[in-house]
Amino acid sequence: MRHTTGTGRSPGEKIVKDIKRATRKQYSSEEKIRIVLDGLRGEDSIAELCRREGISQGVYYKWSKDFMEAGKRRLAGDTARAANTGEVKELRRESRDLKEVVAEQTLELRILKKSILGNGGDQE
């Protein structure tokens, strides 16, 4: 039986792959750090640790590499980091609010100056 599709996958295989992708566990940064530190302690083999955590050894070694590189950058004094989306939204909201306050204060100041000077700002 020949497959005539370009990918060579049956519709069933595609469905299974989509389900696996949708149900894949997402690990938080804290979980990744815990797993990497467990591996660095050396109490269990990396293979045993990965089996227990349900990850591949390749994933573990990538996390470990990322962890070590981040540590090197931090120790070298590089404290810059990418802001997450929530932080960016919060900073934009705060900036907008502060701009509104400045605009209101400016308007109030102009009105006050005009009322003190009387005739619209002409000093004679």
N, C-alpha and C. Protein backbone atom coordinates (compact mmCIF):
# COMPACT_ATOMS: atom_id res chain seq x y z
N MET A 1 0.83 -1.17 0.00
CA MET A 1 0.00 0.00 0.00
C MET A 1 0.88 1.24 0.00
N ARG A 2 0.66 2.11 -0.94
CA ARG A 2 1.47 3.33 -1.05
C ARG A 2 0.75 4.52 -0.43
N HIS A 3 1.56 5.37 0.17
CA HIS A 3 1.03 6.64 0.68
C HIS A 3 1.21 7.67 -0.41
N THR A 4 0.15 8.38 -0.72
CA THR A 4 0.24 9.39 -1.76
C THR A 4 0.36 10.79 -1.18
N THR A 5 0.24 10.91 0.13
CA THR A 5 0.38 12.22 0.75
C THR A 5 1.85 12.59 0.84
N GLY A 6 2.13 13.87 0.86
CA GLY A 6 3.50 14.36 0.90
C GLY A 6 4.20 14.07 2.21
N THR A 7 3.46 14.00 3.30
CA THR A 7 4.09 13.80 4.61
C THR A 7 4.31 12.33 4.93
N GLY A 8 3.56 11.45 4.34
CA GLY A 8 3.71 10.03 4.62
C GLY A 8 3.02 9.61 5.90
N ARG A 9 2.20 10.45 6.49
CA ARG A 9 1.51 10.11 7.73
C ARG A 9 0.03 9.90 7.45
N SER A 10 -0.50 8.94 8.16
CA SER A 10 -1.93 8.69 8.03
C SER A 10 -2.67 9.72 8.88
N PRO A 11 -3.96 9.93 8.61
CA PRO A 11 -4.73 10.87 9.44
C PRO A 11 -4.73 10.49 10.91
N GLY A 12 -4.71 9.19 11.20
CA GLY A 12 -4.68 8.74 12.60
C GLY A 12 -3.39 9.14 13.30
N GLU A 13 -2.27 9.03 12.59
CA GLU A 13 -0.99 9.43 13.18
C GLU A 13 -0.97 10.92 13.49
N LYS A 14 -1.54 11.70 12.60
CA LYS A 14 -1.59 13.15 12.81
C LYS A 14 -2.45 13.48 14.03
N ILE A 15 -3.57 12.79 14.18
CA ILE A 15 -4.45 13.03 15.33
C ILE A 15 -3.73 12.68 16.63
N VAL A 16 -3.03 11.55 16.64
CA VAL A 16 -2.30 11.13 17.84
C VAL A 16 -1.22 12.16 18.19
N LYS A 17 -0.50 12.62 17.17
CA LYS A 17 0.55 13.61 17.40
C LYS A 17 -0.04 14.91 17.95
N ASP A 18 -1.16 15.35 17.40
CA ASP A 18 -1.81 16.57 17.88
C ASP A 18 -2.27 16.43 19.32
N ILE A 19 -2.80 15.25 19.67
CA ILE A 19 -3.24 15.01 21.05
C ILE A 19 -2.05 15.03 22.00
N LYS A 20 -0.95 14.38 21.61
CA LYS A 20 0.25 14.37 22.46
C LYS A 20 0.77 15.79 22.67
N ARG A 21 0.77 16.58 21.61
CA ARG A 21 1.25 17.96 21.71
C ARG A 21 0.35 18.78 22.64
N ALA A 22 -0.96 18.59 22.53
CA ALA A 22 -1.91 19.36 23.34
C ALA A 22 -1.87 18.96 24.80
N THR A 23 -1.52 17.72 25.10
CA THR A 23 -1.54 17.24 26.48
C THR A 23 -0.16 17.19 27.11
N ARG A 24 0.84 17.69 26.41
CA ARG A 24 2.21 17.69 26.92
C ARG A 24 2.30 18.54 28.17
N LYS A 25 3.00 18.05 29.18
CA LYS A 25 3.14 18.78 30.44
C LYS A 25 4.05 19.99 30.23
N GLN A 26 3.63 21.11 30.76
CA GLN A 26 4.44 22.33 30.73
C GLN A 26 5.11 22.47 32.10
N TYR A 27 6.41 22.64 32.11
CA TYR A 27 7.16 22.76 33.35
C TYR A 27 7.42 24.22 33.65
N SER A 28 7.18 24.63 34.89
CA SER A 28 7.48 26.00 35.30
C SER A 28 9.00 26.14 35.46
N SER A 29 9.46 27.36 35.53
CA SER A 29 10.90 27.57 35.70
C SER A 29 11.37 26.99 37.03
N GLU A 30 10.53 27.06 38.06
CA GLU A 30 10.90 26.50 39.36
C GLU A 30 11.06 24.98 39.28
N GLU A 31 10.16 24.33 38.53
CA GLU A 31 10.27 22.87 38.36
C GLU A 31 11.54 22.51 37.59
N LYS A 32 11.84 23.27 36.56
CA LYS A 32 13.04 23.00 35.76
C LYS A 32 14.29 23.14 36.63
N ILE A 33 14.33 24.19 37.44
CA ILE A 33 15.49 24.41 38.32
C ILE A 33 15.62 23.27 39.32
N ARG A 34 14.50 22.84 39.90
CA ARG A 34 14.53 21.73 40.86
C ARG A 34 15.08 20.47 40.21
N ILE A 35 14.62 20.18 38.99
CA ILE A 35 15.07 18.97 38.29
C ILE A 35 16.56 19.06 37.96
N VAL A 36 17.01 20.21 37.48
CA VAL A 36 18.44 20.38 37.16
C VAL A 36 19.28 20.25 38.42
N LEU A 37 18.86 20.86 39.51
CA LEU A 37 19.62 20.75 40.76
C LEU A 37 19.65 19.32 41.28
N ASP A 38 18.54 18.59 41.12
CA ASP A 38 18.53 17.18 41.49
C ASP A 38 19.58 16.41 40.69
N GLY A 39 19.68 16.73 39.41
CA GLY A 39 20.68 16.07 38.56
C GLY A 39 22.10 16.43 38.97
N LEU A 40 22.31 17.68 39.35
CA LEU A 40 23.65 18.11 39.75
C LEU A 40 24.07 17.50 41.08
N ARG A 41 23.09 17.20 41.94
CA ARG A 41 23.43 16.56 43.22
C ARG A 41 24.02 15.17 43.01
N GLY A 42 23.60 14.49 41.96
CA GLY A 42 24.16 13.19 41.62
C GLY A 42 23.68 12.04 42.47
N GLU A 43 22.60 12.21 43.20
CA GLU A 43 22.10 11.13 44.04
C GLU A 43 21.56 9.98 43.19
N ASP A 44 20.94 10.32 42.07
CA ASP A 44 20.45 9.33 41.11
C ASP A 44 21.11 9.61 39.77
N SER A 45 21.11 8.61 38.90
CA SER A 45 21.65 8.83 37.56
C SER A 45 20.71 9.77 36.80
N ILE A 46 21.24 10.41 35.77
CA ILE A 46 20.42 11.31 34.95
C ILE A 46 19.30 10.52 34.29
N ALA A 47 19.60 9.30 33.86
CA ALA A 47 18.58 8.47 33.22
C ALA A 47 17.43 8.18 34.19
N GLU A 48 17.76 7.86 35.44
CA GLU A 48 16.73 7.58 36.46
C GLU A 48 15.93 8.84 36.77
N LEU A 49 16.62 9.96 36.91
CA LEU A 49 15.94 11.23 37.18
C LEU A 49 14.97 11.57 36.06
N CYS A 50 15.41 11.42 34.82
CA CYS A 50 14.55 11.73 33.67
C CYS A 50 13.35 10.80 33.60
N ARG A 51 13.55 9.52 33.89
CA ARG A 51 12.42 8.57 33.92
C ARG A 51 11.41 8.99 34.99
N ARG A 52 11.92 9.31 36.16
CA ARG A 52 11.05 9.69 37.27
C ARG A 52 10.26 10.97 36.95
N GLU A 53 10.91 11.93 36.29
CA GLU A 53 10.26 13.21 35.99
C GLU A 53 9.47 13.18 34.68
N GLY A 54 9.67 12.14 33.88
CA GLY A 54 8.93 12.02 32.63
C GLY A 54 9.44 12.92 31.52
N ILE A 55 10.77 13.13 31.50
CA ILE A 55 11.37 13.95 30.45
C ILE A 55 12.47 13.16 29.77
N SER A 56 12.85 13.60 28.58
CA SER A 56 13.96 12.92 27.90
C SER A 56 15.28 13.48 28.43
N GLN A 57 16.34 12.71 28.24
CA GLN A 57 17.65 13.18 28.68
C GLN A 57 18.08 14.42 27.91
N GLY A 58 17.68 14.50 26.64
CA GLY A 58 17.99 15.68 25.84
C GLY A 58 17.38 16.94 26.42
N VAL A 59 16.15 16.83 26.91
CA VAL A 59 15.48 17.97 27.54
C VAL A 59 16.22 18.36 28.81
N TYR A 60 16.59 17.35 29.61
CA TYR A 60 17.33 17.63 30.85
C TYR A 60 18.63 18.38 30.54
N TYR A 61 19.39 17.90 29.57
CA TYR A 61 20.68 18.52 29.27
C TYR A 61 20.51 19.93 28.70
N LYS A 62 19.43 20.17 27.97
CA LYS A 62 19.17 21.53 27.47
C LYS A 62 18.86 22.46 28.64
N TRP A 63 18.00 22.01 29.57
CA TRP A 63 17.69 22.82 30.75
C TRP A 63 18.95 23.08 31.57
N SER A 64 19.78 22.05 31.71
CA SER A 64 21.01 22.18 32.47
C SER A 64 21.94 23.21 31.82
N LYS A 65 22.07 23.15 30.52
CA LYS A 65 22.91 24.11 29.79
C LYS A 65 22.37 25.53 29.95
N ASP A 66 21.06 25.70 29.79
CA ASP A 66 20.44 27.02 29.95
C ASP A 66 20.66 27.55 31.37
N PHE A 67 20.54 26.66 32.36
CA PHE A 67 20.72 27.02 33.76
C PHE A 67 22.15 27.50 34.00
N MET A 68 23.12 26.77 33.49
CA MET A 68 24.52 27.13 33.69
C MET A 68 24.86 28.44 32.98
N GLU A 69 24.35 28.63 31.76
CA GLU A 69 24.63 29.87 31.03
C GLU A 69 24.02 31.07 31.73
N ALA A 70 22.81 30.92 32.27
CA ALA A 70 22.18 32.01 33.00
C ALA A 70 22.98 32.34 34.26
N GLY A 71 23.48 31.32 34.92
CA GLY A 71 24.30 31.54 36.11
C GLY A 71 25.59 32.26 35.78
N LYS A 72 26.23 31.89 34.67
CA LYS A 72 27.47 32.56 34.26
C LYS A 72 27.21 34.03 33.95
N ARG A 73 26.11 34.30 33.23
CA ARG A 73 25.79 35.70 32.90
C ARG A 73 25.53 36.50 34.17
N ARG A 74 24.81 35.93 35.10
CA ARG A 74 24.48 36.62 36.35
C ARG A 74 25.74 36.90 37.15
N LEU A 75 26.63 35.91 37.26
CA LEU A 75 27.87 36.10 38.01
C LEU A 75 28.80 37.09 37.34
N ALA A 76 28.68 37.22 36.02
CA ALA A 76 29.51 38.18 35.29
C ALA A 76 28.95 39.60 35.40
N GLY A 77 27.82 39.75 36.06
CA GLY A 77 27.26 41.07 36.28
C GLY A 77 26.18 41.47 35.30
N ASP A 78 25.78 40.59 34.42
CA ASP A 78 24.73 40.89 33.46
C ASP A 78 23.39 40.68 34.15
N THR A 79 22.79 41.77 34.60
CA THR A 79 21.54 41.64 35.33
C THR A 79 20.33 41.96 34.45
N ALA A 80 20.58 42.31 33.20
CA ALA A 80 19.45 42.60 32.29
C ALA A 80 18.70 41.32 32.00
N ARG A 81 17.39 41.43 31.90
CA ARG A 81 16.58 40.27 31.56
C ARG A 81 15.41 40.73 30.74
N ALA A 82 14.81 39.83 30.03
CA ALA A 82 13.65 40.16 29.22
C ALA A 82 12.42 40.26 30.12
N ALA A 83 11.68 41.32 29.97
CA ALA A 83 10.46 41.47 30.76
C ALA A 83 9.39 40.55 30.19
N ASN A 84 8.61 39.96 31.08
CA ASN A 84 7.53 39.12 30.58
C ASN A 84 6.34 39.98 30.19
N THR A 85 5.41 39.40 29.51
CA THR A 85 4.27 40.14 28.97
C THR A 85 3.48 40.85 30.06
N GLY A 86 3.28 40.21 31.19
CA GLY A 86 2.55 40.83 32.29
C GLY A 86 3.24 42.08 32.81
N GLU A 87 4.57 42.00 32.93
CA GLU A 87 5.33 43.17 33.40
C GLU A 87 5.22 44.31 32.40
N VAL A 88 5.30 44.00 31.12
CA VAL A 88 5.22 45.02 30.08
C VAL A 88 3.85 45.69 30.12
N LYS A 89 2.79 44.91 30.21
CA LYS A 89 1.44 45.47 30.28
C LYS A 89 1.28 46.37 31.50
N GLU A 90 1.79 45.91 32.65
CA GLU A 90 1.69 46.70 33.87
C GLU A 90 2.46 48.01 33.75
N LEU A 91 3.66 47.97 33.17
CA LEU A 91 4.45 49.19 33.00
C LEU A 91 3.79 50.16 32.02
N ARG A 92 3.19 49.63 30.96
CA ARG A 92 2.48 50.50 30.01
C ARG A 92 1.28 51.16 30.67
N ARG A 93 0.54 50.40 31.48
CA ARG A 93 -0.60 50.96 32.18
C ARG A 93 -0.15 52.05 33.14
N GLU A 94 0.91 51.79 33.87
CA GLU A 94 1.43 52.77 34.82
C GLU A 94 1.90 54.03 34.09
N SER A 95 2.56 53.87 32.97
CA SER A 95 3.02 55.00 32.16
C SER A 95 1.84 55.83 31.67
N ARG A 96 0.80 55.17 31.18
CA ARG A 96 -0.40 55.86 30.71
C ARG A 96 -1.04 56.66 31.84
N ASP A 97 -1.16 56.03 33.02
CA ASP A 97 -1.75 56.70 34.17
C ASP A 97 -0.94 57.94 34.57
N LEU A 98 0.39 57.80 34.57
CA LEU A 98 1.24 58.93 34.94
C LEU A 98 1.14 60.06 33.93
N LYS A 99 1.05 59.73 32.65
CA LYS A 99 0.88 60.76 31.62
C LYS A 99 -0.44 61.50 31.80
N GLU A 100 -1.48 60.78 32.18
CA GLU A 100 -2.78 61.42 32.43
C GLU A 100 -2.68 62.39 33.61
N VAL A 101 -1.98 62.00 34.67
CA VAL A 101 -1.82 62.87 35.83
C VAL A 101 -1.05 64.13 35.44
N VAL A 102 0.02 63.97 34.66
CA VAL A 102 0.80 65.13 34.22
C VAL A 102 -0.07 66.07 33.37
N ALA A 103 -0.87 65.49 32.48
CA ALA A 103 -1.75 66.32 31.64
C ALA A 103 -2.76 67.08 32.49
N GLU A 104 -3.35 66.42 33.47
CA GLU A 104 -4.32 67.08 34.35
C GLU A 104 -3.66 68.20 35.16
N GLN A 105 -2.47 67.94 35.68
CA GLN A 105 -1.76 68.96 36.46
C GLN A 105 -1.39 70.16 35.59
N THR A 106 -0.98 69.90 34.37
CA THR A 106 -0.63 70.98 33.43
C THR A 106 -1.85 71.84 33.14
N LEU A 107 -2.98 71.20 32.90
CA LEU A 107 -4.21 71.94 32.62
C LEU A 107 -4.63 72.77 33.83
N GLU A 108 -4.57 72.19 35.01
CA GLU A 108 -4.92 72.93 36.22
C GLU A 108 -3.99 74.12 36.43
N LEU A 109 -2.71 73.93 36.15
CA LEU A 109 -1.74 75.02 36.30
C LEU A 109 -2.04 76.16 35.33
N ARG A 110 -2.36 75.85 34.10
CA ARG A 110 -2.72 76.88 33.11
C ARG A 110 -3.96 77.65 33.54
N ILE A 111 -4.97 76.92 34.01
CA ILE A 111 -6.21 77.57 34.46
C ILE A 111 -5.91 78.49 35.64
N LEU A 112 -5.09 78.04 36.57
CA LEU A 112 -4.73 78.83 37.73
C LEU A 112 -3.97 80.09 37.32
N LYS A 113 -3.02 79.96 36.42
CA LYS A 113 -2.26 81.12 35.94
C LYS A 113 -3.18 82.14 35.28
N LYS A 114 -4.12 81.67 34.46
CA LYS A 114 -5.04 82.58 33.78
C LYS A 114 -5.93 83.30 34.79
N SER A 115 -6.36 82.60 35.82
CA SER A 115 -7.24 83.25 36.80
C SER A 115 -6.47 84.27 37.64
N ILE A 116 -5.20 84.01 37.91
CA ILE A 116 -4.38 84.95 38.69
C ILE A 116 -4.06 86.18 37.86
N LEU A 117 -3.71 85.96 36.60
CA LEU A 117 -3.33 87.08 35.75
C LEU A 117 -4.54 87.85 35.23
N GLY A 118 -5.68 87.24 35.32
CA GLY A 118 -6.92 87.95 34.99
C GLY A 118 -7.30 87.92 33.54
N ASN A 119 -6.66 88.71 32.71
CA ASN A 119 -7.14 88.92 31.35
C ASN A 119 -6.53 87.95 30.34
N GLY A 120 -6.41 86.73 30.70
CA GLY A 120 -5.95 85.73 29.76
C GLY A 120 -4.46 85.64 29.59
N GLY A 121 -3.71 86.21 30.49
CA GLY A 121 -2.26 86.05 30.44
C GLY A 121 -1.52 87.28 29.97
N ASP A 122 -2.21 88.38 29.61
CA ASP A 122 -1.51 89.59 29.19
C ASP A 122 -1.07 90.35 30.42
N GLN A 123 0.22 90.57 30.56
CA GLN A 123 0.75 91.34 31.68
C GLN A 123 1.12 92.72 31.17
N GLU A 124 0.56 93.77 31.74
CA GLU A 124 0.91 95.14 31.36
C GLU A 124 1.06 96.01 32.56
